[in-house]
């Protein structure tokens, strides 16, 4: 794979890292960058885009978290080979620091997926959901983020639809982003919300599943945004 030639159109000095993201995403969208392309060195990018190292690294950190780029030890930074099949990752990349937008994206995806899950979730997946709830109950130090994520992941995967596969990947990324912003854990509340969702899914009731998931995510949104408004 050849080193990609970047357009030498400097970004304004007062830019934020989001503008670097937009610049790289636009190059992907118009075909100047392709999955597998190797990016220039940090120094070259700093000169070409006329940005500081902290701005560049912040942008690339977000891109790496979203799996749009990957770094190889002593081998440089590359566009992920799978980025072409994950357009939702690119959309998240452009708004990763817009917390209200990320939360709304998560709500939008999860409400649709839980509705389909009520129709398609298997008995085995329901058992797995119940196990995550039991694990949260048994987690005395309230460090249960991985069980929370697994609960939502099982629901998303139960849709069993290849068309929304990229959306599910994005959902899990949005979950990680919002989960990292939760100021304090309330296991009792999480168990209450998860149990209500579980019961609605077990009853194969898409409307109730939608309503219970909406209540849960609204609670999460309020907790996160109240913290960020301080």
Protein backbone atom coordinates (compact mmCIF):
# COMPACT_ATOMS: atom_id res chain seq x y z
CA UNK A 1 0.00 0.00 0.00
CA UNK A 2 1.45 3.35 -1.03
CA UNK A 3 1.67 6.31 1.30
CA UNK A 4 -1.30 8.52 0.55
CA UNK A 5 -0.62 12.04 -0.68
CA UNK A 6 -2.52 14.57 1.45
CA UNK A 7 -3.98 17.72 -0.01
CA UNK A 8 -1.93 20.60 1.32
CA UNK A 9 -4.87 22.81 2.20
CA UNK A 10 -4.06 24.19 5.65
CA UNK A 11 -6.79 24.15 8.25
CA UNK A 12 -7.20 27.42 10.10
CA UNK A 13 -5.04 27.76 13.23
CA UNK A 14 -8.03 28.28 15.50
CA UNK A 15 -9.54 24.98 14.47
CA UNK A 16 -10.58 22.25 16.88
CA UNK A 17 -9.75 18.61 16.43
CA UNK A 18 -13.24 18.11 15.00
CA UNK A 19 -12.16 20.00 11.88
CA UNK A 20 -9.27 17.59 11.41
CA UNK A 21 -11.79 14.75 11.69
CA UNK A 22 -14.01 16.42 9.09
CA UNK A 23 -11.05 16.92 6.77
CA UNK A 24 -10.05 13.25 6.92
CA UNK A 25 -13.64 12.03 6.65
CA UNK A 26 -14.21 14.24 3.61
CA UNK A 27 -11.12 12.71 1.98
CA UNK A 28 -12.60 9.28 2.62
CA UNK A 29 -15.96 10.26 1.19
CA UNK A 30 -14.58 11.81 -2.00
CA UNK A 31 -12.17 8.94 -2.64
CA UNK A 32 -8.87 10.65 -1.86
CA UNK A 33 -8.39 8.19 1.01
CA UNK A 34 -9.22 4.49 0.88
CA UNK A 35 -9.38 1.62 3.38
CA UNK A 36 -5.82 0.37 3.92
CA UNK A 37 -4.08 3.64 2.98
CA UNK A 38 -1.11 4.64 5.12
CA UNK A 39 -1.27 8.19 6.44
CA UNK A 40 1.69 10.55 6.41
CA UNK A 41 3.80 11.07 9.51
CA UNK A 42 2.64 13.31 12.35
CA UNK A 43 5.12 16.00 11.35
CA UNK A 44 3.96 15.94 7.73
CA UNK A 45 0.30 16.18 8.76
CA UNK A 46 1.03 19.01 11.18
CA UNK A 47 2.71 20.94 8.37
CA UNK A 48 0.13 20.09 5.69
CA UNK A 49 -2.90 20.86 7.89
CA UNK A 50 -1.16 23.64 9.83
CA UNK A 51 -2.26 22.34 13.23
CA UNK A 52 -0.50 21.62 16.50
CA UNK A 53 0.50 18.16 17.69
CA UNK A 54 -2.13 18.14 20.52
CA UNK A 55 -4.93 18.96 18.07
CA UNK A 56 -3.77 16.27 15.65
CA UNK A 57 -3.40 13.65 18.37
CA UNK A 58 -6.83 14.41 19.81
CA UNK A 59 -8.38 13.93 16.38
CA UNK A 60 -6.53 10.68 15.76
CA UNK A 61 -7.36 9.38 19.19
CA UNK A 62 -11.05 9.74 18.37
CA UNK A 63 -10.56 8.16 14.95
CA UNK A 64 -8.72 5.22 16.50
CA UNK A 65 -11.36 4.74 19.18
CA UNK A 66 -13.99 4.59 16.44
CA UNK A 67 -11.81 2.14 14.47
CA UNK A 68 -11.57 4.44 11.47
CA UNK A 69 -7.78 4.39 11.75
CA UNK A 70 -5.42 1.91 13.35
CA UNK A 71 -1.84 2.33 14.49
CA UNK A 72 0.84 -0.26 14.00
CA UNK A 73 3.82 -0.14 16.37
CA UNK A 74 6.64 1.51 14.44
CA UNK A 75 4.62 0.96 11.30
CA UNK A 76 2.56 4.13 11.03
CA UNK A 77 -1.15 4.92 10.97
CA UNK A 78 -3.54 3.35 8.47
CA UNK A 79 -7.16 3.76 7.45
CA UNK A 80 -8.98 0.69 8.74
CA UNK A 81 -9.68 -1.81 5.95
CA UNK A 82 -13.27 -2.17 7.16
CA UNK A 83 -14.11 1.50 7.30
CA UNK A 84 -15.91 1.30 3.97
CA UNK A 85 -18.55 -1.00 5.45
CA UNK A 86 -19.09 1.10 8.59
CA UNK A 87 -20.43 4.52 7.55
CA UNK A 88 -22.01 5.09 10.95
CA UNK A 89 -18.55 5.13 12.52
CA UNK A 90 -17.67 8.08 10.32
CA UNK A 91 -20.80 9.93 11.37
CA UNK A 92 -19.99 9.30 15.02
CA UNK A 93 -16.44 10.50 14.45
CA UNK A 94 -17.71 13.88 13.30
CA UNK A 95 -19.80 14.34 16.44
CA UNK A 96 -17.95 12.30 19.08
CA UNK A 97 -17.52 15.33 21.35
CA UNK A 98 -21.11 16.48 20.89
CA UNK A 99 -22.41 14.57 23.89
CA UNK A 100 -26.14 15.33 23.45
CA UNK A 101 -25.93 14.19 19.82
CA UNK A 102 -24.11 10.96 20.74
CA UNK A 103 -26.72 10.18 23.41
CA UNK A 104 -29.55 10.86 20.96
CA UNK A 105 -27.89 8.56 18.41
CA UNK A 106 -27.69 5.83 21.00
CA UNK A 107 -31.36 6.30 21.93
CA UNK A 108 -32.40 6.21 18.27
CA UNK A 109 -30.51 3.00 17.57
CA UNK A 110 -31.45 1.17 20.76
CA UNK A 111 -35.17 1.94 20.54
CA UNK A 112 -35.35 0.44 17.07
CA UNK A 113 -33.25 -2.57 17.96
CA UNK A 114 -35.13 -3.43 21.16
CA UNK A 115 -38.40 -3.37 19.21
CA UNK A 116 -37.06 -5.90 16.71
CA UNK A 117 -35.50 -7.89 19.56
CA UNK A 118 -38.96 -8.42 21.05
CA UNK A 119 -39.85 -10.29 17.87
CA UNK A 120 -36.62 -12.19 17.29
CA UNK A 121 -34.72 -12.71 20.55
CA UNK A 122 -34.11 -16.37 21.37
CA UNK A 123 -34.64 -18.14 24.67
CA UNK A 124 -30.88 -18.57 24.95
CA UNK A 125 -30.34 -14.83 24.52
CA UNK A 126 -32.99 -14.12 27.14
CA UNK A 127 -31.09 -16.39 29.52
CA UNK A 128 -27.91 -14.44 28.76
CA UNK A 129 -29.73 -11.17 29.51
CA UNK A 130 -30.84 -12.55 32.85
CA UNK A 131 -27.26 -13.57 33.64
CA UNK A 132 -26.04 -10.00 33.10
CA UNK A 133 -28.67 -8.74 35.55
CA UNK A 134 -27.57 -11.34 38.09
CA UNK A 135 -23.94 -10.31 37.58
CA UNK A 136 -24.79 -6.66 38.30
CA UNK A 137 -26.60 -7.71 41.46
CA UNK A 138 -23.55 -9.68 42.58
CA UNK A 139 -21.11 -6.85 41.81
CA UNK A 140 -20.63 -5.26 45.20
CA UNK A 141 -18.21 -2.52 44.09
CA UNK A 142 -20.62 -1.17 41.43
CA UNK A 143 -17.98 -1.65 38.74
CA UNK A 144 -20.41 -3.36 36.40
CA UNK A 145 -19.90 -1.47 33.16
CA UNK A 146 -18.98 -4.62 31.20
CA UNK A 147 -22.21 -6.34 32.24
CA UNK A 148 -24.23 -3.27 31.31
CA UNK A 149 -22.60 -3.19 27.88
CA UNK A 150 -23.17 -6.92 27.41
CA UNK A 151 -26.87 -6.49 28.22
CA UNK A 152 -27.29 -3.91 25.47
CA UNK A 153 -25.05 -5.85 23.09
CA UNK A 154 -27.18 -9.02 23.39
CA UNK A 155 -30.31 -7.04 22.54
CA UNK A 156 -28.62 -5.43 19.53
CA UNK A 157 -27.21 -8.72 18.22
CA UNK A 158 -30.58 -10.45 18.60
CA UNK A 159 -31.84 -8.38 15.66
CA UNK A 160 -29.78 -10.80 13.53
CA UNK A 161 -29.86 -8.48 10.55
CA UNK A 162 -26.75 -7.98 8.36
CA UNK A 163 -28.01 -4.61 7.15
CA UNK A 164 -27.81 -3.10 10.64
CA UNK A 165 -24.48 -4.73 11.54
CA UNK A 166 -22.62 -1.44 11.11
CA UNK A 167 -25.24 0.31 13.23
CA UNK A 168 -24.66 -2.20 16.03
CA UNK A 169 -20.92 -1.50 15.98
CA UNK A 170 -21.68 2.20 16.25
CA UNK A 171 -24.17 1.58 19.03
CA UNK A 172 -21.53 -0.18 21.12
CA UNK A 173 -19.12 2.70 20.55
CA UNK A 174 -21.78 5.20 21.57
CA UNK A 175 -22.44 3.07 24.65
CA UNK A 176 -18.74 3.17 25.62
CA UNK A 177 -18.64 6.94 25.14
CA UNK A 178 -21.74 7.61 27.24
CA UNK A 179 -20.80 4.99 29.83
CA UNK A 180 -17.47 6.73 30.44
CA UNK A 181 -19.33 9.96 31.29
CA UNK A 182 -21.63 8.53 33.97
CA UNK A 183 -20.58 10.34 37.18
CA UNK A 184 -21.65 7.62 39.61
CA UNK A 185 -23.18 4.16 39.53
CA UNK A 186 -26.61 3.25 40.82
CA UNK A 187 -26.82 -0.55 40.56
CA UNK A 188 -30.32 -0.68 42.04
CA UNK A 189 -31.63 1.64 39.32
CA UNK A 190 -29.78 -0.25 36.58
CA UNK A 191 -31.19 -3.55 37.80
CA UNK A 192 -34.69 -2.06 37.92
CA UNK A 193 -34.50 -0.74 34.35
CA UNK A 194 -32.81 -3.82 32.92
CA UNK A 195 -35.28 -6.15 34.60
CA UNK A 196 -38.23 -4.21 33.16
CA UNK A 197 -36.70 -4.43 29.67
CA UNK A 198 -35.97 -8.12 30.14
CA UNK A 199 -39.55 -8.87 31.21
CA UNK A 200 -40.97 -6.97 28.23
CA UNK A 201 -38.71 -8.91 25.85
CA UNK A 202 -39.58 -12.19 27.54
CA UNK A 203 -43.27 -11.37 26.96
CA UNK A 204 -42.46 -10.65 23.28
CA UNK A 205 -44.05 -7.22 23.63
CA UNK A 206 -42.36 -4.71 21.27
CA UNK A 207 -44.34 -1.71 22.51
CA UNK A 208 -43.54 -2.37 26.16
CA UNK A 209 -39.92 -3.12 25.27
CA UNK A 210 -39.71 0.24 23.48
CA UNK A 211 -41.23 2.07 26.45
CA UNK A 212 -38.99 0.44 29.04
CA UNK A 213 -35.83 1.07 27.01
CA UNK A 214 -36.88 4.70 26.51
CA UNK A 215 -37.31 5.17 30.27
CA UNK A 216 -33.89 3.66 30.88
CA UNK A 217 -32.05 5.75 28.32
CA UNK A 218 -33.80 8.96 29.35
CA UNK A 219 -32.54 8.32 32.89
CA UNK A 220 -29.00 7.84 31.55
CA UNK A 221 -29.26 10.98 29.43
CA UNK A 222 -30.42 13.11 32.35
CA UNK A 223 -27.61 11.85 34.57
CA UNK A 224 -24.91 12.52 31.98
CA UNK A 225 -26.16 15.92 30.80
CA UNK A 226 -26.74 17.17 34.36
CA UNK A 227 -23.10 16.40 35.08
CA UNK A 228 -21.86 18.11 31.90
CA UNK A 229 -23.95 21.22 32.59
CA UNK A 230 -22.03 21.96 35.77
